[in-house]
Amino acid sequence: MLSEPQAAALVSRLANACHDTSRYGSMSTSVYDTAWLAMVIKSVDGHTSWLFPESFKFLLDQQSVSGRWETYASDVDGIVNTMAGLLALLKHLKQPSVGGCGPLPSDIDDRIANAGHELNHMLQRWDVESTCHVGFEIIIPALLDYLNIEGMEFRFPGYNALNSLRSLKLAHFDVQVLYGSETTSILHSLEAFVGKVDFDKLSHHKVMGSMMASPSSTAAYLMNNTRWDEDAEAYLRHVIRCSQGEKQGGVPSAFPTPVFEMAWVSRATAAVVLNVLKGCQVISTLLLAGFEGDRLGYTNVSTIAGFLENILSEGDGTVGFGMLIVGSASPTIRTF
């Protein structure tokens, strides 16, 4: 439980972030997204190198002795983390001529074998039909395909059910939508569409160099674009430098996320927006509501309320988790 001074400090930090949203986001690091950065290769004057060796080192450091990577809120987190981590290890092993990372660890073969064993164990126990993880029916089949290309094939009891879910999800997907001006949530997970999408036709969707503020999606875009995109590279370097990974190579699943952060700090933000000029009495922290507005800093409360009010106005009543990001149900519902 936050104390009143801690809550006031949080609100003050968020209010300051309203003035420079490109640097704000407190999501923890994601093994999955970091693995995609670890796979980016850049070619300069005929010489290739891994663009983010620090991200590969982060992966190595985060791999458990058993071979898997961390599970967060659900089993599927451990599955996608281990799949992406394993894919990155395989990419590095099979491309020894690419520079930038130094020699591979002496136990790389054991790391790969252990990761494959742990992944198979998790997949055998996975209840596909009861999974509610957003996008799993698109992302996991894609990772299975990529691992298969690298020589590792996995079959498990829920395999057919998973592919049926993917087919159902993509039945009405028209790739041409991505080439137009419409913004779609698919842009947040472009890594699931390698080989199916022409990445050269997607640059108009960039926002501050990113694909929907997603490090993994932006990394996939950068890897699969025939023309090197300096803006996308700059965005990924910015995320490593400014996010919670503390410049160690780890990145979160989204960055920056000012709208998400501020909407979840505010309780009944709509009431704040409407009543702030009359004397708003309540703003909550992420964990607890009930603090008095004047004790949190009336000016800071007003700043956050005004920020969200402007975002709602610009988005015709919906907001995403970041600036200029397509509306998302979660932040919008929280805002109201």
Protein backbone atom coordinates (compact mmCIF):
# COMPACT_ATOMS: atom_id res chain seq x y z
CA MET A 1 0.00 0.00 0.00
CA LEU A 2 1.34 3.40 -0.99
CA SER A 3 1.77 6.07 1.64
CA GLU A 4 0.43 9.54 0.93
CA PRO A 5 3.94 10.96 0.16
CA GLN A 6 4.60 8.05 -2.21
CA ALA A 7 1.27 8.59 -3.94
CA ALA A 8 1.99 12.31 -4.29
CA ALA A 9 5.42 11.53 -5.74
CA LEU A 10 3.84 9.15 -8.25
CA VAL A 11 1.32 11.75 -9.34
CA SER A 12 4.10 14.35 -9.62
CA ARG A 13 6.16 12.03 -11.81
CA LEU A 14 3.20 11.37 -14.07
CA ALA A 15 2.41 15.07 -14.33
CA ASN A 16 6.00 15.75 -15.40
CA ALA A 17 5.71 12.98 -18.00
CA CYS A 18 2.84 14.87 -19.63
CA HIS A 19 5.46 17.28 -20.96
CA ASP A 20 7.69 14.58 -22.52
CA THR A 21 5.67 11.45 -23.20
CA SER A 22 8.34 9.87 -25.41
CA ARG A 23 10.36 8.88 -22.33
CA TYR A 24 7.63 7.59 -20.06
CA GLY A 25 6.77 3.98 -19.39
CA SER A 26 7.18 1.82 -16.32
CA MET A 27 6.35 -1.62 -17.73
CA SER A 28 8.88 -4.25 -16.72
CA THR A 29 11.16 -5.91 -19.25
CA SER A 30 9.78 -8.58 -21.55
CA VAL A 31 11.90 -11.58 -22.54
CA TYR A 32 9.74 -12.02 -25.63
CA ASP A 33 10.28 -8.52 -26.99
CA THR A 34 13.94 -8.51 -26.00
CA ALA A 35 14.47 -11.72 -27.98
CA TRP A 36 13.27 -9.99 -31.13
CA LEU A 37 15.77 -7.19 -30.66
CA ALA A 38 18.49 -9.81 -30.17
CA MET A 39 17.76 -11.15 -33.67
CA VAL A 40 18.19 -7.87 -35.57
CA ILE A 41 21.14 -7.83 -37.98
CA LYS A 42 22.48 -4.70 -39.67
CA SER A 43 24.64 -4.66 -42.77
CA VAL A 44 27.04 -1.78 -43.37
CA ASP A 45 29.42 -1.79 -46.36
CA GLY A 46 29.05 -5.53 -46.70
CA HIS A 47 29.77 -6.26 -43.05
CA THR A 48 26.98 -7.70 -40.91
CA SER A 49 26.63 -7.39 -37.16
CA TRP A 50 24.04 -8.00 -34.49
CA LEU A 51 22.49 -4.61 -33.82
CA PHE A 52 21.73 -5.15 -30.13
CA PRO A 53 24.33 -7.44 -28.53
CA GLU A 54 23.23 -6.18 -25.13
CA SER A 55 19.78 -7.69 -25.75
CA PHE A 56 21.31 -11.07 -26.55
CA LYS A 57 23.36 -10.89 -23.36
CA PHE A 58 20.18 -10.04 -21.46
CA LEU A 59 18.57 -13.20 -22.85
CA LEU A 60 21.52 -15.33 -21.84
CA ASP A 61 21.48 -13.86 -18.34
CA GLN A 62 17.73 -14.42 -17.97
CA GLN A 63 17.69 -18.06 -19.11
CA SER A 64 17.19 -20.38 -16.17
CA VAL A 65 19.41 -23.35 -15.42
CA SER A 66 16.61 -25.64 -16.62
CA GLY A 67 16.63 -23.90 -20.02
CA ARG A 68 13.34 -22.03 -19.96
CA TRP A 69 12.63 -18.34 -19.59
CA GLU A 70 10.40 -16.67 -17.05
CA THR A 71 6.67 -17.24 -16.71
CA TYR A 72 4.72 -14.14 -15.66
CA ALA A 73 0.99 -14.18 -15.05
CA SER A 74 0.14 -17.38 -16.97
CA ASP A 75 1.73 -20.50 -18.42
CA VAL A 76 1.49 -19.11 -21.93
CA ASP A 77 3.91 -16.34 -20.96
CA GLY A 78 6.57 -18.93 -20.25
CA ILE A 79 5.80 -20.63 -23.54
CA VAL A 80 6.15 -17.53 -25.74
CA ASN A 81 9.20 -16.32 -23.81
CA THR A 82 10.94 -19.66 -24.20
CA MET A 83 9.97 -19.93 -27.86
CA ALA A 84 11.34 -16.49 -28.69
CA GLY A 85 14.45 -16.99 -26.56
CA LEU A 86 15.14 -20.35 -28.20
CA LEU A 87 14.65 -18.84 -31.65
CA ALA A 88 17.20 -16.13 -30.86
CA LEU A 89 19.74 -18.72 -29.67
CA LEU A 90 19.29 -20.72 -32.86
CA LYS A 91 19.69 -17.62 -35.03
CA HIS A 92 22.96 -16.72 -33.32
CA LEU A 93 24.30 -20.29 -33.48
CA LYS A 94 23.58 -20.65 -37.19
CA GLN A 95 25.07 -17.31 -38.21
CA PRO A 96 28.60 -17.36 -36.74
CA SER A 97 29.92 -14.97 -39.38
CA VAL A 98 27.75 -12.13 -38.07
CA GLY A 99 29.81 -9.93 -35.75
CA GLY A 100 29.02 -7.66 -32.85
CA CYS A 101 28.34 -10.17 -30.07
CA GLY A 102 31.70 -11.76 -29.51
CA PRO A 103 32.06 -15.54 -29.12
CA LEU A 104 29.00 -17.56 -28.24
CA PRO A 105 28.91 -19.08 -24.75
CA SER A 106 30.63 -22.44 -24.59
CA ASP A 107 27.41 -24.09 -23.43
CA ILE A 108 25.26 -22.75 -26.29
CA ASP A 109 24.38 -26.27 -27.48
CA ASP A 110 23.27 -27.27 -23.99
CA ARG A 111 21.27 -24.06 -23.66
CA ILE A 112 19.43 -24.81 -26.89
CA ALA A 113 18.81 -28.45 -26.00
CA ASN A 114 17.53 -27.56 -22.54
CA ALA A 115 15.31 -24.81 -23.89
CA GLY A 116 13.83 -27.20 -26.44
CA HIS A 117 13.22 -29.83 -23.75
CA GLU A 118 11.53 -27.32 -21.43
CA LEU A 119 9.44 -25.88 -24.25
CA ASN A 120 8.22 -29.32 -25.26
CA HIS A 121 7.33 -30.07 -21.64
CA MET A 122 5.30 -26.86 -21.36
CA LEU A 123 3.54 -27.46 -24.67
CA GLN A 124 2.58 -31.03 -23.74
CA ARG A 125 0.83 -29.72 -20.61
CA TRP A 126 -0.72 -26.65 -22.22
CA ASP A 127 -4.53 -26.41 -22.29
CA VAL A 128 -4.97 -24.45 -25.52
CA GLU A 129 -8.74 -24.13 -25.40
CA SER A 130 -8.81 -22.50 -21.96
CA THR A 131 -6.15 -19.90 -22.82
CA CYS A 132 -7.22 -16.25 -22.85
CA HIS A 133 -3.87 -14.58 -23.57
CA VAL A 134 -4.29 -11.80 -26.15
CA GLY A 135 -3.00 -12.82 -29.60
CA PHE A 136 -1.67 -16.24 -28.59
CA GLU A 137 -3.51 -17.95 -31.46
CA ILE A 138 -1.50 -15.85 -33.94
CA ILE A 139 1.85 -15.49 -32.20
CA ILE A 140 2.48 -19.06 -31.04
CA PRO A 141 1.73 -20.74 -34.40
CA ALA A 142 4.05 -18.23 -36.07
CA LEU A 143 6.83 -19.02 -33.57
CA LEU A 144 6.28 -22.74 -34.18
CA ASP A 145 6.74 -22.10 -37.90
CA TYR A 146 9.94 -20.10 -37.33
CA LEU A 147 11.38 -22.78 -35.04
CA ASN A 148 10.49 -25.43 -37.60
CA ILE A 149 12.50 -23.52 -40.22
CA GLU A 150 15.45 -23.61 -37.81
CA GLY A 151 15.11 -27.39 -37.50
CA MET A 152 13.08 -27.76 -34.31
CA GLU A 153 9.57 -29.15 -34.71
CA PHE A 154 7.08 -29.43 -31.88
CA ARG A 155 3.85 -31.44 -31.72
CA PHE A 156 1.56 -31.53 -28.70
CA PRO A 157 -2.04 -32.45 -27.78
CA GLY A 158 -3.39 -28.96 -28.46
CA TYR A 159 -1.58 -28.49 -31.78
CA ASN A 160 -4.60 -29.00 -34.05
CA ALA A 161 -6.85 -26.90 -31.83
CA LEU A 162 -4.30 -24.09 -31.93
CA ASN A 163 -4.11 -24.12 -35.71
CA SER A 164 -7.89 -24.14 -35.93
CA LEU A 165 -7.98 -21.03 -33.75
CA ARG A 166 -5.42 -19.35 -35.98
CA SER A 167 -7.39 -20.17 -39.11
CA LEU A 168 -10.56 -18.82 -37.54
CA LYS A 169 -8.79 -15.64 -36.42
CA LEU A 170 -7.27 -14.99 -39.85
CA ALA A 171 -10.28 -16.05 -41.91
CA HIS A 172 -11.38 -12.47 -42.47
CA PHE A 173 -7.96 -10.85 -42.37
CA ASP A 174 -7.10 -8.97 -45.55
CA VAL A 175 -3.41 -8.12 -45.74
CA GLN A 176 -4.23 -5.19 -47.99
CA VAL A 177 -5.65 -3.39 -44.96
CA LEU A 178 -2.11 -3.04 -43.64
CA TYR A 179 -1.01 -1.26 -46.79
CA GLY A 180 -3.68 1.41 -46.47
CA SER A 181 -4.14 4.26 -44.04
CA GLU A 182 -6.27 2.38 -41.51
CA THR A 183 -4.56 1.71 -38.18
CA THR A 184 -5.12 -1.79 -36.85
CA SER A 185 -3.96 -3.58 -33.71
CA ILE A 186 -2.15 -6.10 -35.93
CA LEU A 187 0.59 -3.49 -36.21
CA HIS A 188 1.49 -4.25 -32.60
CA SER A 189 2.40 -7.86 -33.51
CA LEU A 190 3.92 -7.76 -36.99
CA GLU A 191 6.48 -10.37 -35.92
CA ALA A 192 3.70 -12.94 -36.33
CA PHE A 193 3.40 -12.13 -40.04
CA VAL A 194 6.94 -12.59 -41.33
CA GLY A 195 6.72 -14.08 -44.82
CA LYS A 196 3.07 -13.08 -45.13
CA VAL A 197 3.35 -9.29 -45.23
CA ASP A 198 5.37 -6.95 -47.43
CA PHE A 199 7.16 -4.93 -44.76
CA ASP A 200 8.34 -2.40 -47.35
CA LYS A 201 4.74 -1.16 -47.57
CA LEU A 202 4.29 -0.41 -43.87
CA SER A 203 6.53 2.58 -43.17
CA HIS A 204 3.60 5.00 -43.23
CA HIS A 205 2.32 3.41 -40.01
CA LYS A 206 5.35 4.43 -37.97
CA VAL A 207 4.77 6.62 -34.94
CA MET A 208 7.95 8.10 -33.48
CA GLY A 209 9.82 5.39 -35.36
CA SER A 210 7.80 2.53 -33.89
CA MET A 211 5.12 0.13 -34.99
CA MET A 212 2.41 0.85 -32.46
CA ALA A 213 4.95 1.37 -29.66
CA SER A 214 5.86 -2.32 -29.83
CA PRO A 215 9.58 -3.21 -29.63
CA SER A 216 9.02 -6.72 -31.02
CA SER A 217 6.87 -5.51 -33.91
CA THR A 218 9.30 -2.71 -34.72
CA ALA A 219 12.23 -5.13 -34.62
CA ALA A 220 10.44 -7.47 -37.03
CA TYR A 221 9.67 -4.53 -39.32
CA LEU A 222 13.32 -3.47 -39.28
CA MET A 223 14.58 -7.02 -39.93
CA ASN A 224 12.26 -7.65 -42.86
CA ASN A 225 12.37 -4.30 -44.64
CA THR A 226 14.59 -4.26 -47.70
CA ARG A 227 15.47 -0.61 -46.98
CA TRP A 228 17.10 0.05 -43.63
CA ASP A 229 14.91 2.30 -41.51
CA GLU A 230 16.97 4.68 -39.37
CA ASP A 231 13.87 5.88 -37.50
CA ALA A 232 12.99 2.35 -36.39
CA GLU A 233 16.57 1.72 -35.25
CA ALA A 234 16.55 5.00 -33.32
CA TYR A 235 13.27 4.05 -31.63
CA LEU A 236 14.63 0.69 -30.47
CA ARG A 237 17.79 2.32 -29.12
CA HIS A 238 15.59 4.85 -27.36
CA VAL A 239 13.60 2.06 -25.67
CA ILE A 240 16.76 0.35 -24.43
CA ARG A 241 18.04 3.66 -23.10
CA CYS A 242 14.89 4.98 -21.45
CA SER A 243 12.75 2.01 -20.37
CA GLN A 244 12.91 -0.06 -17.20
CA GLY A 245 15.66 -2.29 -18.60
CA GLU A 246 18.17 0.23 -17.21
CA LYS A 247 20.24 0.23 -20.42
CA GLN A 248 21.05 -3.47 -20.00
CA GLY A 249 19.39 -4.57 -23.23
CA GLY A 250 16.01 -5.61 -21.88
CA VAL A 251 12.90 -3.91 -23.25
CA PRO A 252 9.18 -3.94 -22.28
CA SER A 253 6.31 -5.13 -24.44
CA ALA A 254 5.30 -1.52 -25.15
CA PHE A 255 7.05 1.84 -24.87
CA PRO A 256 6.29 4.64 -24.28
CA THR A 257 2.97 4.13 -22.49
CA PRO A 258 1.95 7.47 -20.97
CA VAL A 259 -1.78 7.11 -21.55
CA PHE A 260 -1.83 3.62 -20.04
CA GLU A 261 0.11 4.77 -16.99
CA MET A 262 -1.98 7.86 -16.36
CA ALA A 263 -5.34 6.24 -17.01
CA TRP A 264 -4.58 3.51 -14.49
CA VAL A 265 -3.43 5.98 -11.88
CA SER A 266 -6.61 8.00 -12.17
CA ARG A 267 -9.83 6.76 -10.57
CA ALA A 268 -12.93 7.83 -12.47
CA THR A 269 -10.81 10.13 -14.63
CA ALA A 270 -13.90 11.33 -16.44
CA ALA A 271 -15.09 12.87 -13.19
CA VAL A 272 -11.67 14.44 -12.72
CA VAL A 273 -11.79 15.95 -16.20
CA LEU A 274 -15.26 17.33 -15.67
CA ASN A 275 -14.76 18.61 -12.16
CA VAL A 276 -11.13 19.56 -11.92
CA LEU A 277 -11.88 23.26 -12.33
CA LYS A 278 -14.47 23.03 -9.55
CA GLY A 279 -12.11 21.34 -7.14
CA CYS A 280 -11.49 17.67 -7.75
CA GLN A 281 -11.32 15.69 -4.49
CA VAL A 282 -10.13 12.25 -5.56
CA ILE A 283 -7.29 10.67 -7.55
CA SER A 284 -6.11 7.14 -7.03
CA THR A 285 -2.87 5.30 -7.41
CA LEU A 286 -2.51 2.03 -9.25
CA LEU A 287 -3.16 0.13 -6.04
CA LEU A 288 -5.55 2.14 -3.96
CA ALA A 289 -8.16 4.87 -4.34
CA GLY A 290 -9.10 7.36 -1.69
CA PHE A 291 -6.34 9.97 -1.54
CA GLU A 292 -7.45 13.60 -1.35
CA GLY A 293 -6.69 15.62 -4.46
CA ASP A 294 -5.27 18.63 -2.62
CA ARG A 295 -2.81 16.42 -0.71
CA LEU A 296 -1.61 14.85 -3.97
CA GLY A 297 -0.97 18.23 -5.54
CA TYR A 298 -3.84 20.02 -7.18
CA THR A 299 -1.71 21.32 -10.03
CA ASN A 300 -0.42 17.84 -10.84
CA VAL A 301 -3.92 16.36 -10.72
CA SER A 302 -5.09 19.08 -13.10
CA THR A 303 -2.19 18.43 -15.47
CA ILE A 304 -2.95 14.70 -15.71
CA ALA A 305 -6.67 15.32 -16.12
CA GLY A 306 -6.03 17.85 -18.86
CA PHE A 307 -3.65 15.49 -20.63
CA LEU A 308 -6.21 12.67 -20.70
CA GLU A 309 -8.99 15.03 -21.69
CA ASN A 310 -6.97 16.19 -24.71
CA ILE A 311 -6.13 12.62 -25.70
CA LEU A 312 -9.79 11.63 -25.51
CA SER A 313 -10.76 14.62 -27.62
CA GLU A 314 -8.14 13.87 -30.27
CA GLY A 315 -9.15 10.21 -30.37
CA ASP A 316 -12.90 10.87 -30.65
CA GLY A 317 -13.53 9.24 -27.28
CA THR A 318 -11.06 6.34 -27.43
CA VAL A 319 -7.43 6.12 -26.41
CA GLY A 320 -4.55 3.70 -26.80
CA PHE A 321 -1.76 3.05 -24.34
CA GLY A 322 0.54 5.57 -26.02
CA MET A 323 0.43 8.78 -28.01
CA LEU A 324 -1.11 8.41 -31.48
CA ILE A 325 -1.79 4.71 -30.84
CA VAL A 326 -5.05 3.16 -32.00
CA GLY A 327 -7.77 3.10 -29.36
CA SER A 328 -7.69 0.23 -26.90
CA ALA A 329 -10.57 -0.98 -24.78
CA SER A 330 -8.57 -1.24 -21.57
CA PRO A 331 -7.21 2.32 -21.26
CA THR A 332 -10.45 3.81 -22.59
CA ILE A 333 -12.62 1.88 -20.14
CA ARG A 334 -10.29 2.84 -17.31
CA THR A 335 -10.39 6.48 -18.33
CA PHE A 336 -14.15 6.43 -17.89
